[in-house]
Amino acid sequence: MARVFRFLAVLLVAVGLSRGTAHAAPVLNEFLAVNQGGLADEDGESADWIELHNSGPTWFDLTGWALTDAATNLT
């Protein structure tokens, strides 16, 4: 469970840092952490996942962004 909270903390910080930009920031729409068989991906695995929504009228460049569950490895 600590891993899930660490993952969410890193994710929320990353989304929060983007608020100072001149364009719309992506919105964290949904997430599923500790997926224990509820939803399977194309490989049949029950992976954790997030959904981002672009709330602005233009595209949002996610180059350089990363998701992690390890505070010591942010990429």
PDB file of N, CA and C in Angstrom:
ATOM      1  N   MET A   1       0.821  -1.189   0.000  1.00  0.00           N
ATOM      2  CA  MET A   1       0.000   0.000   0.000  1.00  0.00           C
ATOM      3  C   MET A   1       0.872   1.264   0.000  1.00  0.00           C
ATOM      4  N   ALA A   2       2.020   1.211   0.690  1.00  0.00           N
ATOM      5  CA  ALA A   2       2.920   2.372   0.706  1.00  0.00           C
ATOM      6  C   ALA A   2       3.393   2.702  -0.703  1.00  0.00           C
ATOM      7  N   ARG A   3       3.595   1.670  -1.526  1.00  0.00           N
ATOM      8  CA  ARG A   3       4.026   1.879  -2.910  1.00  0.00           C
ATOM      9  C   ARG A   3       2.978   2.679  -3.679  1.00  0.00           C
ATOM     10  N   VAL A   4       1.715   2.400  -3.451  1.00  0.00           N
ATOM     11  CA  VAL A   4       0.632   3.109  -4.132  1.00  0.00           C
ATOM     12  C   VAL A   4       0.630   4.579  -3.737  1.00  0.00           C
ATOM     13  N   PHE A   5       0.763   4.859  -2.447  1.00  0.00           N
ATOM     14  CA  PHE A   5       0.756   6.241  -1.997  1.00  0.00           C
ATOM     15  C   PHE A   5       1.971   7.002  -2.514  1.00  0.00           C
ATOM     16  N   ARG A   6       3.124   6.352  -2.581  1.00  0.00           N
ATOM     17  CA  ARG A   6       4.320   6.982  -3.116  1.00  0.00           C
ATOM     18  C   ARG A   6       4.116   7.303  -4.597  1.00  0.00           C
ATOM     19  N   PHE A   7       3.528   6.362  -5.339  1.00  0.00           N
ATOM     20  CA  PHE A   7       3.237   6.574  -6.760  1.00  0.00           C
ATOM     21  C   PHE A   7       2.308   7.770  -6.946  1.00  0.00           C
ATOM     22  N   LEU A   8       1.247   7.831  -6.168  1.00  0.00           N
ATOM     23  CA  LEU A   8       0.287   8.930  -6.291  1.00  0.00           C
ATOM     24  C   LEU A   8       0.917  10.261  -5.904  1.00  0.00           C
ATOM     25  N   ALA A   9       1.760  10.266  -4.896  1.00  0.00           N
ATOM     26  CA  ALA A   9       2.420  11.499  -4.485  1.00  0.00           C
ATOM     27  C   ALA A   9       3.312  12.031  -5.603  1.00  0.00           C
ATOM     28  N   VAL A  10       4.100  11.162  -6.218  1.00  0.00           N
ATOM     29  CA  VAL A  10       4.973  11.579  -7.309  1.00  0.00           C
ATOM     30  C   VAL A  10       4.132  12.071  -8.483  1.00  0.00           C
ATOM     31  N   LEU A  11       3.056  11.388  -8.786  1.00  0.00           N
ATOM     32  CA  LEU A  11       2.193  11.783  -9.896  1.00  0.00           C
ATOM     33  C   LEU A  11       1.542  13.132  -9.633  1.00  0.00           C
ATOM     34  N   LEU A  12       1.025  13.353  -8.446  1.00  0.00           N
ATOM     35  CA  LEU A  12       0.369  14.618  -8.133  1.00  0.00           C
ATOM     36  C   LEU A  12       1.355  15.775  -8.150  1.00  0.00           C
ATOM     37  N   VAL A  13       2.562  15.562  -7.711  1.00  0.00           N
ATOM     38  CA  VAL A  13       3.584  16.608  -7.788  1.00  0.00           C
ATOM     39  C   VAL A  13       3.872  16.944  -9.240  1.00  0.00           C
ATOM     40  N   ALA A  14       4.011  15.932 -10.090  1.00  0.00           N
ATOM     41  CA  ALA A  14       4.293  16.168 -11.511  1.00  0.00           C
ATOM     42  C   ALA A  14       3.167  16.951 -12.176  1.00  0.00           C
ATOM     43  N   VAL A  15       1.934  16.602 -11.894  1.00  0.00           N
ATOM     44  CA  VAL A  15       0.800  17.321 -12.474  1.00  0.00           C
ATOM     45  C   VAL A  15       0.735  18.733 -11.906  1.00  0.00           C
ATOM     46  N   GLY A  16       1.004  18.887 -10.632  1.00  0.00           N
ATOM     47  CA  GLY A  16       0.979  20.207 -10.006  1.00  0.00           C
ATOM     48  C   GLY A  16       2.028  21.148 -10.559  1.00  0.00           C
ATOM     49  N   LEU A  17       3.200  20.634 -10.890  1.00  0.00           N
ATOM     50  CA  LEU A  17       4.262  21.475 -11.429  1.00  0.00           C
ATOM     51  C   LEU A  17       3.899  22.059 -12.778  1.00  0.00           C
ATOM     52  N   SER A  18       3.008  21.429 -13.505  1.00  0.00           N
ATOM     53  CA  SER A  18       2.654  21.903 -14.843  1.00  0.00           C
ATOM     54  C   SER A  18       1.680  23.075 -14.810  1.00  0.00           C
ATOM     55  N   ARG A  19       1.141  23.426 -13.665  1.00  0.00           N
ATOM     56  CA  ARG A  19       0.132  24.480 -13.582  1.00  0.00           C
ATOM     57  C   ARG A  19       0.666  25.869 -13.883  1.00  0.00           C
ATOM     58  N   GLY A  20       1.963  26.074 -13.817  1.00  0.00           N
ATOM     59  CA  GLY A  20       2.520  27.389 -14.068  1.00  0.00           C
ATOM     60  C   GLY A  20       2.715  27.704 -15.538  1.00  0.00           C
ATOM     61  N   THR A  21       2.336  26.829 -16.426  1.00  0.00           N
ATOM     62  CA  THR A  21       2.545  27.045 -17.852  1.00  0.00           C
ATOM     63  C   THR A  21       1.441  27.909 -18.434  1.00  0.00           C
ATOM     64  N   ALA A  22       1.692  28.462 -19.622  1.00  0.00           N
ATOM     65  CA  ALA A  22       0.732  29.350 -20.270  1.00  0.00           C
ATOM     66  C   ALA A  22      -0.411  28.599 -20.934  1.00  0.00           C
ATOM     67  N   HIS A  23      -0.279  27.310 -21.120  1.00  0.00           N
ATOM     68  CA  HIS A  23      -1.314  26.532 -21.782  1.00  0.00           C
ATOM     69  C   HIS A  23      -1.999  25.619 -20.770  1.00  0.00           C
ATOM     70  N   ALA A  24      -3.072  25.017 -21.171  1.00  0.00           N
ATOM     71  CA  ALA A  24      -3.813  24.132 -20.281  1.00  0.00           C
ATOM     72  C   ALA A  24      -2.970  22.925 -19.892  1.00  0.00           C
ATOM     73  N   ALA A  25      -3.122  22.483 -18.660  1.00  0.00           N
ATOM     74  CA  ALA A  25      -2.390  21.324 -18.164  1.00  0.00           C
ATOM     75  C   ALA A  25      -3.246  20.078 -18.332  1.00  0.00           C
ATOM     76  N   PRO A  26      -2.609  18.935 -18.478  1.00  0.00           N
ATOM     77  CA  PRO A  26      -3.392  17.701 -18.524  1.00  0.00           C
ATOM     78  C   PRO A  26      -4.053  17.471 -17.167  1.00  0.00           C
ATOM     79  N   VAL A  27      -5.205  16.853 -17.197  1.00  0.00           N
ATOM     80  CA  VAL A  27      -5.957  16.577 -15.979  1.00  0.00           C
ATOM     81  C   VAL A  27      -5.900  15.079 -15.720  1.00  0.00           C
ATOM     82  N   LEU A  28      -5.600  14.708 -14.498  1.00  0.00           N
ATOM     83  CA  LEU A  28      -5.638  13.309 -14.100  1.00  0.00           C
ATOM     84  C   LEU A  28      -7.111  12.941 -13.934  1.00  0.00           C
ATOM     85  N   ASN A  29      -7.642  12.214 -14.900  1.00  0.00           N
ATOM     86  CA  ASN A  29      -9.056  11.874 -14.954  1.00  0.00           C
ATOM     87  C   ASN A  29      -9.409  10.665 -14.093  1.00  0.00           C
ATOM     88  N   GLU A  30      -8.658   9.597 -14.247  1.00  0.00           N
ATOM     89  CA  GLU A  30      -8.919   8.351 -13.527  1.00  0.00           C
ATOM     90  C   GLU A  30      -7.602   7.662 -13.239  1.00  0.00           C
ATOM     91  N   PHE A  31      -7.602   6.819 -12.239  1.00  0.00           N
ATOM     92  CA  PHE A  31      -6.450   5.962 -11.998  1.00  0.00           C
ATOM     93  C   PHE A  31      -6.913   4.672 -11.348  1.00  0.00           C
ATOM     94  N   LEU A  32      -6.155   3.641 -11.544  1.00  0.00           N
ATOM     95  CA  LEU A  32      -6.398   2.355 -10.894  1.00  0.00           C
ATOM     96  C   LEU A  32      -5.065   1.870 -10.360  1.00  0.00           C
ATOM     97  N   ALA A  33      -4.967   1.819  -9.046  1.00  0.00           N
ATOM     98  CA  ALA A  33      -3.749   1.353  -8.390  1.00  0.00           C
ATOM     99  C   ALA A  33      -4.059   0.042  -7.681  1.00  0.00           C
ATOM    100  N   VAL A  34      -3.081  -0.812  -7.615  1.00  0.00           N
ATOM    101  CA  VAL A  34      -3.214  -2.140  -7.006  1.00  0.00           C
ATOM    102  C   VAL A  34      -4.330  -2.909  -7.724  1.00  0.00           C
ATOM    103  N   ASN A  35      -4.233  -2.971  -9.032  1.00  0.00           N
ATOM    104  CA  ASN A  35      -5.192  -3.707  -9.848  1.00  0.00           C
ATOM    105  C   ASN A  35      -5.007  -5.203  -9.597  1.00  0.00           C
ATOM    106  N   GLN A  36      -5.987  -5.813  -9.012  1.00  0.00           N
ATOM    107  CA  GLN A  36      -5.890  -7.232  -8.661  1.00  0.00           C
ATOM    108  C   GLN A  36      -6.852  -8.079  -9.487  1.00  0.00           C
ATOM    109  N   GLY A  37      -6.856  -7.818 -10.783  1.00  0.00           N
ATOM    110  CA  GLY A  37      -7.648  -8.643 -11.675  1.00  0.00           C
ATOM    111  C   GLY A  37      -8.930  -8.005 -12.168  1.00  0.00           C
ATOM    112  N   GLY A  38      -9.194  -6.772 -11.758  1.00  0.00           N
ATOM    113  CA  GLY A  38     -10.413  -6.102 -12.201  1.00  0.00           C
ATOM    114  C   GLY A  38     -10.418  -5.804 -13.684  1.00  0.00           C
ATOM    115  N   LEU A  39      -9.320  -5.288 -14.172  1.00  0.00           N
ATOM    116  CA  LEU A  39      -9.182  -4.958 -15.593  1.00  0.00           C
ATOM    117  C   LEU A  39      -7.859  -5.517 -16.089  1.00  0.00           C
ATOM    118  N   ALA A  40      -7.894  -6.122 -17.249  1.00  0.00           N
ATOM    119  CA  ALA A  40      -6.672  -6.688 -17.832  1.00  0.00           C
ATOM    120  C   ALA A  40      -6.286  -5.883 -19.070  1.00  0.00           C
ATOM    121  N   ASP A  41      -4.982  -5.752 -19.309  1.00  0.00           N
ATOM    122  CA  ASP A  41      -4.509  -5.056 -20.501  1.00  0.00           C
ATOM    123  C   ASP A  41      -4.462  -6.011 -21.689  1.00  0.00           C
ATOM    124  N   GLU A  42      -3.900  -5.544 -22.807  1.00  0.00           N
ATOM    125  CA  GLU A  42      -3.884  -6.362 -24.027  1.00  0.00           C
ATOM    126  C   GLU A  42      -3.046  -7.630 -23.889  1.00  0.00           C
ATOM    127  N   ASP A  43      -2.176  -7.669 -22.872  1.00  0.00           N
ATOM    128  CA  ASP A  43      -1.369  -8.864 -22.623  1.00  0.00           C
ATOM    129  C   ASP A  43      -2.003  -9.784 -21.584  1.00  0.00           C
ATOM    130  N   GLY A  44      -3.190  -9.410 -21.106  1.00  0.00           N
ATOM    131  CA  GLY A  44      -3.860 -10.207 -20.100  1.00  0.00           C
ATOM    132  C   GLY A  44      -3.373  -9.960 -18.688  1.00  0.00           C
ATOM    133  N   GLU A  45      -2.528  -8.945 -18.499  1.00  0.00           N
ATOM    134  CA  GLU A  45      -2.000  -8.621 -17.184  1.00  0.00           C
ATOM    135  C   GLU A  45      -2.855  -7.552 -16.514  1.00  0.00           C
ATOM    136  N   SER A  46      -2.908  -7.583 -15.211  1.00  0.00           N
ATOM    137  CA  SER A  46      -3.674  -6.600 -14.434  1.00  0.00           C
ATOM    138  C   SER A  46      -2.742  -5.488 -13.965  1.00  0.00           C
ATOM    139  N   ALA A  47      -2.406  -4.615 -14.870  1.00  0.00           N
ATOM    140  CA  ALA A  47      -1.467  -3.532 -14.575  1.00  0.00           C
ATOM    141  C   ALA A  47      -2.194  -2.338 -13.964  1.00  0.00           C
ATOM    142  N   ASP A  48      -1.446  -1.521 -13.208  1.00  0.00           N
ATOM    143  CA  ASP A  48      -1.981  -0.250 -12.741  1.00  0.00           C
ATOM    144  C   ASP A  48      -2.036   0.687 -13.945  1.00  0.00           C
ATOM    145  N   TRP A  49      -2.938   1.679 -13.918  1.00  0.00           N
ATOM    146  CA  TRP A  49      -3.030   2.582 -15.052  1.00  0.00           C
ATOM    147  C   TRP A  49      -3.570   3.940 -14.619  1.00  0.00           C
ATOM    148  N   ILE A  50      -3.357   4.938 -15.464  1.00  0.00           N
ATOM    149  CA  ILE A  50      -3.936   6.263 -15.275  1.00  0.00           C
ATOM    150  C   ILE A  50      -4.554   6.705 -16.595  1.00  0.00           C
ATOM    151  N   GLU A  51      -5.447   7.673 -16.513  1.00  0.00           N
ATOM    152  CA  GLU A  51      -6.005   8.294 -17.703  1.00  0.00           C
ATOM    153  C   GLU A  51      -5.814   9.792 -17.569  1.00  0.00           C
ATOM    154  N   LEU A  52      -5.171  10.399 -18.557  1.00  0.00           N
ATOM    155  CA  LEU A  52      -5.002  11.845 -18.599  1.00  0.00           C
ATOM    156  C   LEU A  52      -5.961  12.425 -19.622  1.00  0.00           C
ATOM    157  N   HIS A  53      -6.490  13.616 -19.320  1.00  0.00           N
ATOM    158  CA  HIS A  53      -7.394  14.304 -20.239  1.00  0.00           C
ATOM    159  C   HIS A  53      -6.799  15.669 -20.569  1.00  0.00           C
ATOM    160  N   ASN A  54      -6.758  16.014 -21.836  1.00  0.00           N
ATOM    161  CA  ASN A  54      -6.293  17.327 -22.263  1.00  0.00           C
ATOM    162  C   ASN A  54      -7.490  18.266 -22.226  1.00  0.00           C
ATOM    163  N   SER A  55      -7.512  19.166 -21.260  1.00  0.00           N
ATOM    164  CA  SER A  55      -8.660  20.066 -21.097  1.00  0.00           C
ATOM    165  C   SER A  55      -8.548  21.322 -21.941  1.00  0.00           C
ATOM    166  N   GLY A  56      -7.442  21.491 -22.645  1.00  0.00           N
ATOM    167  CA  GLY A  56      -7.252  22.688 -23.454  1.00  0.00           C
ATOM    168  C   GLY A  56      -7.574  22.466 -24.917  1.00  0.00           C
ATOM    169  N   PRO A  57      -7.592  23.534 -25.694  1.00  0.00           N
ATOM    170  CA  PRO A  57      -7.925  23.435 -27.115  1.00  0.00           C
ATOM    171  C   PRO A  57      -6.757  22.987 -27.990  1.00  0.00           C
ATOM    172  N   THR A  58      -5.556  22.955 -27.442  1.00  0.00           N
ATOM    173  CA  THR A  58      -4.393  22.555 -28.227  1.00  0.00           C
ATOM    174  C   THR A  58      -3.753  21.318 -27.611  1.00  0.00           C
ATOM    175  N   TRP A  59      -2.869  20.670 -28.381  1.00  0.00           N
ATOM    176  CA  TRP A  59      -2.216  19.461 -27.898  1.00  0.00           C
ATOM    177  C   TRP A  59      -1.269  19.803 -26.760  1.00  0.00           C
ATOM    178  N   PHE A  60      -0.969  18.820 -25.958  1.00  0.00           N
ATOM    179  CA  PHE A  60      -0.061  18.989 -24.831  1.00  0.00           C
ATOM    180  C   PHE A  60       1.100  18.034 -24.996  1.00  0.00           C
ATOM    181  N   ASP A  61       2.305  18.548 -24.990  1.00  0.00           N
ATOM    182  CA  ASP A  61       3.505  17.744 -25.202  1.00  0.00           C
ATOM    183  C   ASP A  61       3.942  17.090 -23.888  1.00  0.00           C
ATOM    184  N   LEU A  62       3.909  15.769 -23.837  1.00  0.00           N
ATOM    185  CA  LEU A  62       4.319  15.035 -22.641  1.00  0.00           C
ATOM    186  C   LEU A  62       5.757  14.517 -22.753  1.00  0.00           C
ATOM    187  N   THR A  63       6.510  15.042 -23.722  1.00  0.00           N
ATOM    188  CA  THR A  63       7.905  14.654 -23.856  1.00  0.00           C
ATOM    189  C   THR A  63       8.646  14.980 -22.564  1.00  0.00           C
ATOM    190  N   GLY A  64       9.369  14.016 -22.062  1.00  0.00           N
ATOM    191  CA  GLY A  64      10.122  14.217 -20.834  1.00  0.00           C
ATOM    192  C   GLY A  64       9.355  13.852 -19.573  1.00  0.00           C
ATOM    193  N   TRP A  65       8.072  13.580 -19.694  1.00  0.00           N
ATOM    194  CA  TRP A  65       7.276  13.159 -18.543  1.00  0.00           C
ATOM    195  C   TRP A  65       7.471  11.661 -18.347  1.00  0.00           C
ATOM    196  N   ALA A  66       7.311  11.208 -17.123  1.00  0.00           N
ATOM    197  CA  ALA A  66       7.428   9.788 -16.830  1.00  0.00           C
ATOM    198  C   ALA A  66       6.581   9.454 -15.611  1.00  0.00           C
ATOM    199  N   LEU A  67       6.187   8.208 -15.512  1.00  0.00           N
ATOM    200  CA  LEU A  67       5.486   7.701 -14.332  1.00  0.00           C
ATOM    201  C   LEU A  67       6.403   6.719 -13.634  1.00  0.00           C
ATOM    202  N   THR A  68       6.361   6.725 -12.326  1.00  0.00           N
ATOM    203  CA  THR A  68       7.222   5.830 -11.573  1.00  0.00           C
ATOM    204  C   THR A  68       6.592   5.506 -10.226  1.00  0.00           C
ATOM    205  N   ASP A  69       7.007   4.415  -9.660  1.00  0.00           N
ATOM    206  CA  ASP A  69       6.621   4.111  -8.274  1.00  0.00           C
ATOM    207  C   ASP A  69       7.870   4.047  -7.411  1.00  0.00           C
ATOM    208  N   ALA A  70       8.977   4.591  -7.914  1.00  0.00           N
ATOM    209  CA  ALA A  70      10.237   4.584  -7.165  1.00  0.00           C
ATOM    210  C   ALA A  70      10.745   6.030  -7.072  1.00  0.00           C
ATOM    211  N   ALA A  71      10.730   6.576  -5.874  1.00  0.00           N
ATOM    212  CA  ALA A  71      11.157   7.964  -5.679  1.00  0.00           C
ATOM    213  C   ALA A  71      12.616   8.171  -6.052  1.00  0.00           C
ATOM    214  N   THR A  72      13.415   7.121  -6.066  1.00  0.00           N
ATOM    215  CA  THR A  72      14.820   7.225  -6.423  1.00  0.00           C
ATOM    216  C   THR A  72      15.069   7.077  -7.920  1.00  0.00           C
ATOM    217  N   ASN A  73      14.043   6.719  -8.689  1.00  0.00           N
ATOM    218  CA  ASN A  73      14.162   6.561 -10.137  1.00  0.00           C
ATOM    219  C   ASN A  73      12.946   7.215 -10.781  1.00  0.00           C
ATOM    220  N   LEU A  74      13.051   8.504 -11.084  1.00  0.00           N
ATOM    221  CA  LEU A  74      11.895   9.250 -11.576  1.00  0.00           C
ATOM    222  C   LEU A  74      11.661   9.100 -13.069  1.00  0.00           C
ATOM    223  N   THR A  75      12.510   8.339 -13.761  1.00  0.00           N
ATOM    224  CA  THR A  75      12.277   8.124 -15.175  1.00  0.00           C
ATOM    225  C   THR A  75      12.056   6.665 -15.470  1.00  0.00           C
TER     226      THR A  75
END
